[in-house]
Amino acid sequence: MRLDPETRRSRFAMHATDTFLKGYAETSFTLNTLIFAYFEEGLVRATAELRSLDDFELAEAAFCVERDWRRMGLATALMTSLLKAARGRGVRHIYINCLATNRHMQALARKFAAEMTFEAGDVIGRLVPLQEDRPSWLSQLLDRLRPERAATSA
């Protein structure tokens, strides 16, 4: 609710009212979404979402950092956590959709070698989580049982 109008528009690609944001927050926890957050003084200042799409090998990522907390490496740290979680869950492709004017998101996607295309005023980024050393079945199970561990590590 603290997000300024420009940040809301960049994150949701539209005018996002308080009512919309409340509904979005409530439904995010009912969907197959993993949410990472950076907390400072008990307040969420930055988030990253990894939402599985149809087949669980395909996911969408979304990020938001409050204006005064930008350029501190938070989005980079959240992206690193998100990619690690995606690898552990077997995600093969991650898509990021942002407005052509959202330079912060585009820079983050490029930092992680996203393939970028422009479509109808939007930028679509495609990331392939590198299949580094595959986590053991035990570490995958623990990550699924304790998703709060990932949120607090960012």
N, C-alpha and C. Protein backbone atom coordinates (compact mmCIF):
# COMPACT_ATOMS: atom_id res chain seq x y z
N MET A 1 0.82 -1.19 0.00
CA MET A 1 0.00 0.00 0.00
C MET A 1 0.87 1.26 0.00
N ARG A 2 2.13 1.12 0.39
CA ARG A 2 3.03 2.28 0.43
C ARG A 2 3.60 2.61 -0.94
N LEU A 3 3.39 1.77 -1.93
CA LEU A 3 3.99 1.99 -3.24
C LEU A 3 3.41 3.25 -3.90
N ASP A 4 4.30 4.03 -4.48
CA ASP A 4 3.86 5.23 -5.20
C ASP A 4 3.19 4.81 -6.51
N PRO A 5 2.40 5.70 -7.13
CA PRO A 5 1.67 5.34 -8.37
C PRO A 5 2.57 4.82 -9.49
N GLU A 6 3.75 5.41 -9.67
CA GLU A 6 4.65 4.95 -10.74
C GLU A 6 5.14 3.52 -10.49
N THR A 7 5.49 3.20 -9.24
CA THR A 7 5.95 1.86 -8.91
C THR A 7 4.81 0.85 -9.08
N ARG A 8 3.61 1.23 -8.68
CA ARG A 8 2.45 0.34 -8.88
C ARG A 8 2.25 0.06 -10.37
N ARG A 9 2.31 1.10 -11.17
CA ARG A 9 2.10 0.91 -12.61
C ARG A 9 3.21 0.05 -13.21
N SER A 10 4.44 0.27 -12.79
CA SER A 10 5.55 -0.55 -13.30
C SER A 10 5.39 -2.01 -12.91
N ARG A 11 4.96 -2.26 -11.70
CA ARG A 11 4.83 -3.64 -11.21
C ARG A 11 3.66 -4.37 -11.85
N PHE A 12 2.50 -3.70 -11.98
CA PHE A 12 1.29 -4.37 -12.43
C PHE A 12 0.88 -4.00 -13.85
N ALA A 13 1.63 -3.11 -14.51
CA ALA A 13 1.36 -2.69 -15.89
C ALA A 13 -0.02 -2.06 -16.04
N MET A 14 -0.47 -1.42 -14.97
CA MET A 14 -1.77 -0.74 -15.00
C MET A 14 -1.90 0.12 -13.74
N HIS A 15 -2.94 0.90 -13.70
CA HIS A 15 -3.24 1.66 -12.48
C HIS A 15 -3.74 0.65 -11.44
N ALA A 16 -3.03 0.51 -10.34
CA ALA A 16 -3.39 -0.48 -9.31
C ALA A 16 -3.92 0.25 -8.08
N THR A 17 -5.20 0.10 -7.84
CA THR A 17 -5.83 0.74 -6.69
C THR A 17 -5.54 -0.04 -5.41
N ASP A 18 -5.83 0.57 -4.28
CA ASP A 18 -5.67 -0.13 -3.00
C ASP A 18 -6.52 -1.39 -2.97
N THR A 19 -7.73 -1.32 -3.49
CA THR A 19 -8.63 -2.49 -3.52
C THR A 19 -8.01 -3.61 -4.34
N PHE A 20 -7.46 -3.26 -5.50
CA PHE A 20 -6.80 -4.27 -6.34
C PHE A 20 -5.64 -4.91 -5.58
N LEU A 21 -4.81 -4.09 -4.94
CA LEU A 21 -3.65 -4.62 -4.23
C LEU A 21 -4.03 -5.54 -3.09
N LYS A 22 -5.09 -5.21 -2.36
CA LYS A 22 -5.56 -6.09 -1.28
C LYS A 22 -6.00 -7.44 -1.84
N GLY A 23 -6.75 -7.42 -2.92
CA GLY A 23 -7.20 -8.66 -3.55
C GLY A 23 -6.05 -9.46 -4.10
N TYR A 24 -5.09 -8.78 -4.71
CA TYR A 24 -3.91 -9.46 -5.25
C TYR A 24 -3.14 -10.16 -4.14
N ALA A 25 -2.93 -9.46 -3.05
CA ALA A 25 -2.19 -10.06 -1.93
C ALA A 25 -2.91 -11.28 -1.38
N GLU A 26 -4.22 -11.20 -1.25
CA GLU A 26 -4.99 -12.33 -0.72
C GLU A 26 -4.93 -13.54 -1.65
N THR A 27 -5.06 -13.33 -2.96
CA THR A 27 -5.07 -14.46 -3.89
C THR A 27 -3.68 -15.02 -4.15
N SER A 28 -2.64 -14.22 -3.95
CA SER A 28 -1.28 -14.70 -4.19
C SER A 28 -0.95 -15.92 -3.34
N PHE A 29 -1.51 -15.98 -2.15
CA PHE A 29 -1.21 -17.10 -1.27
C PHE A 29 -2.04 -18.34 -1.58
N THR A 30 -3.04 -18.20 -2.46
CA THR A 30 -3.84 -19.36 -2.83
C THR A 30 -3.38 -19.98 -4.14
N LEU A 31 -2.55 -19.27 -4.87
CA LEU A 31 -2.03 -19.78 -6.14
C LEU A 31 -0.71 -20.49 -5.90
N ASN A 32 -0.21 -21.15 -6.90
CA ASN A 32 1.06 -21.86 -6.77
C ASN A 32 2.20 -20.85 -6.93
N THR A 33 2.36 -20.01 -5.91
CA THR A 33 3.32 -18.92 -5.95
C THR A 33 4.27 -19.00 -4.77
N LEU A 34 5.54 -18.80 -5.06
CA LEU A 34 6.56 -18.71 -4.03
C LEU A 34 6.92 -17.23 -3.94
N ILE A 35 6.82 -16.67 -2.75
CA ILE A 35 7.07 -15.24 -2.57
C ILE A 35 8.29 -15.05 -1.67
N PHE A 36 9.24 -14.28 -2.18
CA PHE A 36 10.42 -13.90 -1.42
C PHE A 36 10.23 -12.44 -1.02
N ALA A 37 10.72 -12.09 0.16
CA ALA A 37 10.57 -10.71 0.61
C ALA A 37 11.79 -10.25 1.37
N TYR A 38 12.06 -8.96 1.26
CA TYR A 38 13.09 -8.31 2.07
C TYR A 38 12.35 -7.45 3.09
N PHE A 39 12.65 -7.68 4.36
CA PHE A 39 12.02 -6.94 5.45
C PHE A 39 13.05 -6.00 6.07
N GLU A 40 12.59 -4.82 6.41
CA GLU A 40 13.41 -3.90 7.20
C GLU A 40 12.48 -3.22 8.19
N GLU A 41 12.87 -3.27 9.45
CA GLU A 41 12.07 -2.70 10.54
C GLU A 41 10.64 -3.25 10.52
N GLY A 42 10.51 -4.53 10.21
CA GLY A 42 9.22 -5.20 10.22
C GLY A 42 8.33 -4.91 9.03
N LEU A 43 8.83 -4.18 8.05
CA LEU A 43 8.05 -3.84 6.86
C LEU A 43 8.66 -4.49 5.63
N VAL A 44 7.81 -4.95 4.73
CA VAL A 44 8.27 -5.51 3.46
C VAL A 44 8.69 -4.34 2.57
N ARG A 45 9.93 -4.37 2.11
CA ARG A 45 10.46 -3.30 1.27
C ARG A 45 10.69 -3.75 -0.17
N ALA A 46 10.80 -5.06 -0.39
CA ALA A 46 11.03 -5.60 -1.74
C ALA A 46 10.49 -7.02 -1.79
N THR A 47 9.96 -7.39 -2.95
CA THR A 47 9.44 -8.75 -3.12
C THR A 47 9.84 -9.31 -4.48
N ALA A 48 9.85 -10.62 -4.54
CA ALA A 48 10.01 -11.35 -5.80
C ALA A 48 9.02 -12.50 -5.74
N GLU A 49 8.33 -12.73 -6.84
CA GLU A 49 7.35 -13.82 -6.91
C GLU A 49 7.75 -14.77 -8.02
N LEU A 50 7.61 -16.04 -7.73
CA LEU A 50 7.79 -17.09 -8.74
C LEU A 50 6.49 -17.86 -8.79
N ARG A 51 5.76 -17.69 -9.88
CA ARG A 51 4.45 -18.33 -10.02
C ARG A 51 4.51 -19.38 -11.10
N SER A 52 4.25 -20.62 -10.71
CA SER A 52 4.22 -21.72 -11.68
C SER A 52 3.07 -21.52 -12.64
N LEU A 53 3.33 -21.83 -13.89
CA LEU A 53 2.28 -21.78 -14.90
C LEU A 53 1.81 -23.21 -15.15
N ASP A 54 1.18 -23.46 -16.23
CA ASP A 54 0.49 -24.72 -16.50
C ASP A 54 1.21 -26.00 -16.08
N ASP A 55 2.45 -26.17 -16.49
CA ASP A 55 3.07 -27.48 -16.34
C ASP A 55 4.18 -27.55 -15.29
N PHE A 56 4.33 -26.56 -14.46
CA PHE A 56 5.33 -26.51 -13.40
C PHE A 56 6.76 -26.41 -13.91
N GLU A 57 7.00 -26.62 -15.20
CA GLU A 57 8.34 -26.40 -15.74
C GLU A 57 8.46 -24.98 -16.29
N LEU A 58 7.34 -24.28 -16.31
CA LEU A 58 7.26 -22.93 -16.82
C LEU A 58 6.75 -22.04 -15.70
N ALA A 59 7.41 -20.91 -15.48
CA ALA A 59 7.00 -20.02 -14.40
C ALA A 59 7.15 -18.57 -14.83
N GLU A 60 6.47 -17.71 -14.10
CA GLU A 60 6.58 -16.27 -14.31
C GLU A 60 7.20 -15.66 -13.06
N ALA A 61 8.06 -14.68 -13.27
CA ALA A 61 8.68 -13.98 -12.15
C ALA A 61 8.24 -12.52 -12.17
N ALA A 62 8.08 -11.96 -10.98
CA ALA A 62 7.72 -10.55 -10.85
C ALA A 62 8.45 -9.99 -9.64
N PHE A 63 8.84 -8.73 -9.74
CA PHE A 63 9.63 -8.08 -8.70
C PHE A 63 9.07 -6.71 -8.38
N CYS A 64 9.29 -6.28 -7.15
CA CYS A 64 8.91 -4.94 -6.76
C CYS A 64 9.82 -4.49 -5.62
N VAL A 65 10.39 -3.31 -5.77
CA VAL A 65 11.25 -2.73 -4.74
C VAL A 65 10.75 -1.31 -4.50
N GLU A 66 10.49 -0.98 -3.25
CA GLU A 66 10.08 0.39 -2.93
C GLU A 66 11.14 1.37 -3.41
N ARG A 67 10.69 2.52 -3.84
CA ARG A 67 11.57 3.53 -4.44
C ARG A 67 12.81 3.83 -3.59
N ASP A 68 12.65 4.06 -2.31
CA ASP A 68 13.79 4.43 -1.46
C ASP A 68 14.74 3.27 -1.15
N TRP A 69 14.39 2.06 -1.56
CA TRP A 69 15.23 0.89 -1.30
C TRP A 69 15.86 0.35 -2.58
N ARG A 70 15.74 1.09 -3.66
CA ARG A 70 16.35 0.68 -4.93
C ARG A 70 17.84 0.97 -4.94
N ARG A 71 18.53 0.30 -5.84
CA ARG A 71 19.97 0.49 -6.06
C ARG A 71 20.79 0.08 -4.84
N MET A 72 20.25 -0.90 -4.09
CA MET A 72 20.97 -1.45 -2.93
C MET A 72 21.28 -2.93 -3.11
N GLY A 73 20.93 -3.47 -4.29
CA GLY A 73 21.18 -4.88 -4.56
C GLY A 73 20.07 -5.81 -4.10
N LEU A 74 18.95 -5.27 -3.66
CA LEU A 74 17.86 -6.12 -3.16
C LEU A 74 17.26 -6.98 -4.27
N ALA A 75 16.98 -6.38 -5.42
CA ALA A 75 16.40 -7.15 -6.53
C ALA A 75 17.36 -8.23 -6.99
N THR A 76 18.64 -7.93 -7.02
CA THR A 76 19.64 -8.93 -7.41
C THR A 76 19.64 -10.10 -6.43
N ALA A 77 19.61 -9.80 -5.14
CA ALA A 77 19.59 -10.86 -4.13
C ALA A 77 18.30 -11.67 -4.23
N LEU A 78 17.18 -11.00 -4.46
CA LEU A 78 15.91 -11.72 -4.60
C LEU A 78 15.91 -12.58 -5.85
N MET A 79 16.47 -12.07 -6.95
CA MET A 79 16.54 -12.86 -8.18
C MET A 79 17.41 -14.09 -7.97
N THR A 80 18.50 -13.95 -7.26
CA THR A 80 19.38 -15.09 -6.99
C THR A 80 18.62 -16.16 -6.20
N SER A 81 17.87 -15.76 -5.19
CA SER A 81 17.07 -16.71 -4.40
C SER A 81 15.99 -17.35 -5.26
N LEU A 82 15.35 -16.54 -6.10
CA LEU A 82 14.29 -17.04 -6.96
C LEU A 82 14.83 -18.08 -7.94
N LEU A 83 15.98 -17.81 -8.55
CA LEU A 83 16.56 -18.76 -9.50
C LEU A 83 16.97 -20.06 -8.81
N LYS A 84 17.51 -19.94 -7.62
CA LYS A 84 17.88 -21.15 -6.86
C LYS A 84 16.64 -22.00 -6.57
N ALA A 85 15.58 -21.35 -6.15
CA ALA A 85 14.33 -22.07 -5.87
C ALA A 85 13.76 -22.68 -7.14
N ALA A 86 13.83 -21.94 -8.24
CA ALA A 86 13.31 -22.46 -9.52
C ALA A 86 14.07 -23.71 -9.94
N ARG A 87 15.40 -23.67 -9.81
CA ARG A 87 16.20 -24.86 -10.14
C ARG A 87 15.79 -26.04 -9.28
N GLY A 88 15.63 -25.81 -8.00
CA GLY A 88 15.26 -26.88 -7.08
C GLY A 88 13.90 -27.48 -7.36
N ARG A 89 13.04 -26.70 -7.99
CA ARG A 89 11.69 -27.17 -8.30
C ARG A 89 11.56 -27.69 -9.73
N GLY A 90 12.67 -27.69 -10.46
CA GLY A 90 12.63 -28.23 -11.82
C GLY A 90 12.08 -27.28 -12.86
N VAL A 91 12.01 -25.99 -12.57
CA VAL A 91 11.53 -25.01 -13.55
C VAL A 91 12.57 -24.88 -14.65
N ARG A 92 12.13 -24.97 -15.89
CA ARG A 92 13.05 -24.90 -17.02
C ARG A 92 13.07 -23.53 -17.69
N HIS A 93 11.96 -22.80 -17.61
CA HIS A 93 11.86 -21.49 -18.25
C HIS A 93 11.13 -20.53 -17.33
N ILE A 94 11.68 -19.34 -17.19
CA ILE A 94 11.05 -18.29 -16.40
C ILE A 94 10.81 -17.10 -17.32
N TYR A 95 9.59 -16.59 -17.29
CA TYR A 95 9.25 -15.42 -18.08
C TYR A 95 9.05 -14.22 -17.18
N ILE A 96 9.50 -13.08 -17.68
CA ILE A 96 9.31 -11.82 -17.00
C ILE A 96 8.67 -10.89 -18.02
N ASN A 97 7.55 -10.29 -17.65
CA ASN A 97 6.84 -9.39 -18.54
C ASN A 97 6.83 -8.02 -17.88
N CYS A 98 7.30 -6.99 -18.58
CA CYS A 98 7.28 -5.65 -18.01
C CYS A 98 7.00 -4.62 -19.10
N LEU A 99 6.62 -3.44 -18.66
CA LEU A 99 6.41 -2.34 -19.59
C LEU A 99 7.74 -1.94 -20.22
N ALA A 100 7.68 -1.43 -21.43
CA ALA A 100 8.89 -0.98 -22.11
C ALA A 100 9.56 0.15 -21.35
N THR A 101 8.82 0.86 -20.52
CA THR A 101 9.38 1.96 -19.73
C THR A 101 10.00 1.50 -18.42
N ASN A 102 9.85 0.23 -18.07
CA ASN A 102 10.37 -0.28 -16.79
C ASN A 102 11.84 -0.68 -16.96
N ARG A 103 12.70 0.31 -16.94
CA ARG A 103 14.14 0.10 -17.15
C ARG A 103 14.79 -0.69 -16.01
N HIS A 104 14.29 -0.53 -14.79
CA HIS A 104 14.86 -1.26 -13.66
C HIS A 104 14.69 -2.78 -13.85
N MET A 105 13.49 -3.19 -14.26
CA MET A 105 13.24 -4.62 -14.45
C MET A 105 14.06 -5.16 -15.62
N GLN A 106 14.16 -4.37 -16.68
CA GLN A 106 14.95 -4.80 -17.84
C GLN A 106 16.43 -4.95 -17.48
N ALA A 107 16.94 -4.02 -16.69
CA ALA A 107 18.35 -4.11 -16.28
C ALA A 107 18.58 -5.35 -15.42
N LEU A 108 17.64 -5.64 -14.52
CA LEU A 108 17.77 -6.84 -13.68
C LEU A 108 17.75 -8.09 -14.55
N ALA A 109 16.83 -8.16 -15.49
CA ALA A 109 16.74 -9.34 -16.37
C ALA A 109 18.03 -9.51 -17.18
N ARG A 110 18.56 -8.42 -17.68
CA ARG A 110 19.81 -8.50 -18.46
C ARG A 110 20.98 -8.96 -17.59
N LYS A 111 21.00 -8.52 -16.34
CA LYS A 111 22.08 -8.90 -15.43
C LYS A 111 22.15 -10.42 -15.29
N PHE A 112 21.00 -11.08 -15.43
CA PHE A 112 20.94 -12.53 -15.31
C PHE A 112 20.80 -13.20 -16.68
N ALA A 113 21.24 -12.50 -17.72
CA ALA A 113 21.32 -13.04 -19.09
C ALA A 113 19.97 -13.46 -19.65
N ALA A 114 18.93 -12.70 -19.36
CA ALA A 114 17.62 -12.99 -19.94
C ALA A 114 17.62 -12.65 -21.42
N GLU A 115 16.94 -13.46 -22.18
CA GLU A 115 16.72 -13.19 -23.60
C GLU A 115 15.53 -12.23 -23.67
N MET A 116 15.73 -11.04 -24.23
CA MET A 116 14.69 -10.01 -24.23
C MET A 116 14.08 -9.83 -25.60
N THR A 117 12.75 -9.72 -25.66
CA THR A 117 12.04 -9.40 -26.90
C THR A 117 11.03 -8.31 -26.59
N PHE A 118 10.66 -7.55 -27.60
CA PHE A 118 9.69 -6.47 -27.44
C PHE A 118 8.42 -6.86 -28.18
N GLU A 119 7.29 -6.77 -27.47
CA GLU A 119 6.01 -7.14 -28.06
C GLU A 119 4.93 -6.18 -27.60
N ALA A 120 4.35 -5.45 -28.54
CA ALA A 120 3.20 -4.57 -28.28
C ALA A 120 3.40 -3.66 -27.06
N GLY A 121 4.53 -3.00 -26.98
CA GLY A 121 4.78 -2.06 -25.89
C GLY A 121 5.30 -2.68 -24.62
N ASP A 122 5.41 -3.99 -24.59
CA ASP A 122 5.93 -4.69 -23.41
C ASP A 122 7.28 -5.32 -23.76
N VAL A 123 8.02 -5.62 -22.72
CA VAL A 123 9.27 -6.35 -22.87
C VAL A 123 9.07 -7.71 -22.22
N ILE A 124 9.39 -8.75 -22.95
CA ILE A 124 9.29 -10.11 -22.44
C ILE A 124 10.71 -10.64 -22.27
N GLY A 125 11.03 -11.04 -21.05
CA GLY A 125 12.34 -11.62 -20.78
C GLY A 125 12.17 -13.11 -20.52
N ARG A 126 13.08 -13.89 -21.06
CA ARG A 126 13.05 -15.35 -20.86
C ARG A 126 14.37 -15.76 -20.23
N LEU A 127 14.27 -16.40 -19.08
CA LEU A 127 15.44 -16.90 -18.36
C LEU A 127 15.39 -18.42 -18.31
N VAL A 128 16.53 -19.02 -18.40
CA VAL A 128 16.64 -20.46 -18.22
C VAL A 128 17.50 -20.66 -16.98
N PRO A 129 16.87 -21.11 -15.88
CA PRO A 129 17.68 -21.34 -14.68
C PRO A 129 18.76 -22.38 -14.98
N LEU A 130 20.00 -22.01 -14.76
CA LEU A 130 21.09 -22.93 -15.04
C LEU A 130 20.98 -24.15 -14.14
N GLN A 131 21.13 -25.28 -14.71
CA GLN A 131 21.05 -26.53 -13.95
C GLN A 131 22.43 -26.82 -13.38
N GLU A 132 22.76 -26.09 -12.32
CA GLU A 132 24.01 -26.33 -11.64
C GLU A 132 23.90 -27.67 -10.92
N ASP A 133 24.70 -27.87 -9.93
CA ASP A 133 24.58 -29.10 -9.17
C ASP A 133 23.15 -29.23 -8.68
N ARG A 134 22.49 -30.24 -9.16
CA ARG A 134 21.08 -30.45 -8.81
C ARG A 134 20.97 -30.70 -7.31
N PRO A 135 20.08 -29.96 -6.63
CA PRO A 135 19.93 -30.18 -5.19
C PRO A 135 19.47 -31.62 -4.92
N SER A 136 19.86 -32.12 -3.80
CA SER A 136 19.44 -33.47 -3.42
C SER A 136 17.94 -33.49 -3.17
N TRP A 137 17.37 -34.66 -3.20
CA TRP A 137 15.93 -34.79 -2.94
C TRP A 137 15.62 -34.29 -1.54
N LEU A 138 16.55 -34.46 -0.61
CA LEU A 138 16.31 -34.00 0.76
C LEU A 138 16.27 -32.48 0.83
N SER A 139 17.21 -31.80 0.17
CA SER A 139 17.20 -30.34 0.21
C SER A 139 15.97 -29.78 -0.50
N GLN A 140 15.52 -30.44 -1.57
CA GLN A 140 14.29 -30.00 -2.23
C GLN A 140 13.09 -30.15 -1.30
N LEU A 141 13.03 -31.27 -0.59
CA LEU A 141 11.93 -31.50 0.33
C LEU A 141 11.93 -30.46 1.45
N LEU A 142 13.10 -30.18 2.00
CA LEU A 142 13.19 -29.19 3.07
C LEU A 142 12.80 -27.81 2.58
N ASP A 143 13.18 -27.43 1.36
CA ASP A 143 12.79 -26.14 0.81
C ASP A 143 11.27 -26.04 0.66
N ARG A 144 10.65 -27.14 0.28
CA ARG A 144 9.19 -27.12 0.12
C ARG A 144 8.47 -27.08 1.47
N LEU A 145 9.05 -27.71 2.46
CA LEU A 145 8.43 -27.72 3.78
C LEU A 145 8.66 -26.43 4.55
N ARG A 146 9.74 -25.75 4.23
CA ARG A 146 10.08 -24.52 4.97
C ARG A 146 10.28 -23.36 4.01
N PRO A 147 9.24 -22.93 3.26
CA PRO A 147 9.44 -21.83 2.32
C PRO A 147 9.80 -20.52 3.00
N GLU A 148 9.49 -20.36 4.29
CA GLU A 148 9.86 -19.13 4.98
C GLU A 148 11.37 -18.96 5.09
N ARG A 149 12.12 -20.07 5.00
CA ARG A 149 13.58 -19.99 5.07
C ARG A 149 14.11 -19.17 3.90
N ALA A 150 13.54 -19.36 2.73
CA ALA A 150 13.99 -18.62 1.56
C ALA A 150 13.65 -17.14 1.70
N ALA A 151 12.49 -16.82 2.28
CA ALA A 151 12.07 -15.43 2.40
C ALA A 151 12.97 -14.67 3.37
N THR A 152 13.43 -15.33 4.40
CA THR A 152 14.25 -14.62 5.39
C THR A 152 15.71 -14.57 5.00
N SER A 153 16.13 -15.36 4.02
CA SER A 153 17.53 -15.36 3.64
C SER A 153 17.87 -14.23 2.68
N ALA A 154 16.85 -13.60 2.10
CA ALA A 154 17.11 -12.53 1.11
C ALA A 154 17.43 -11.23 1.81
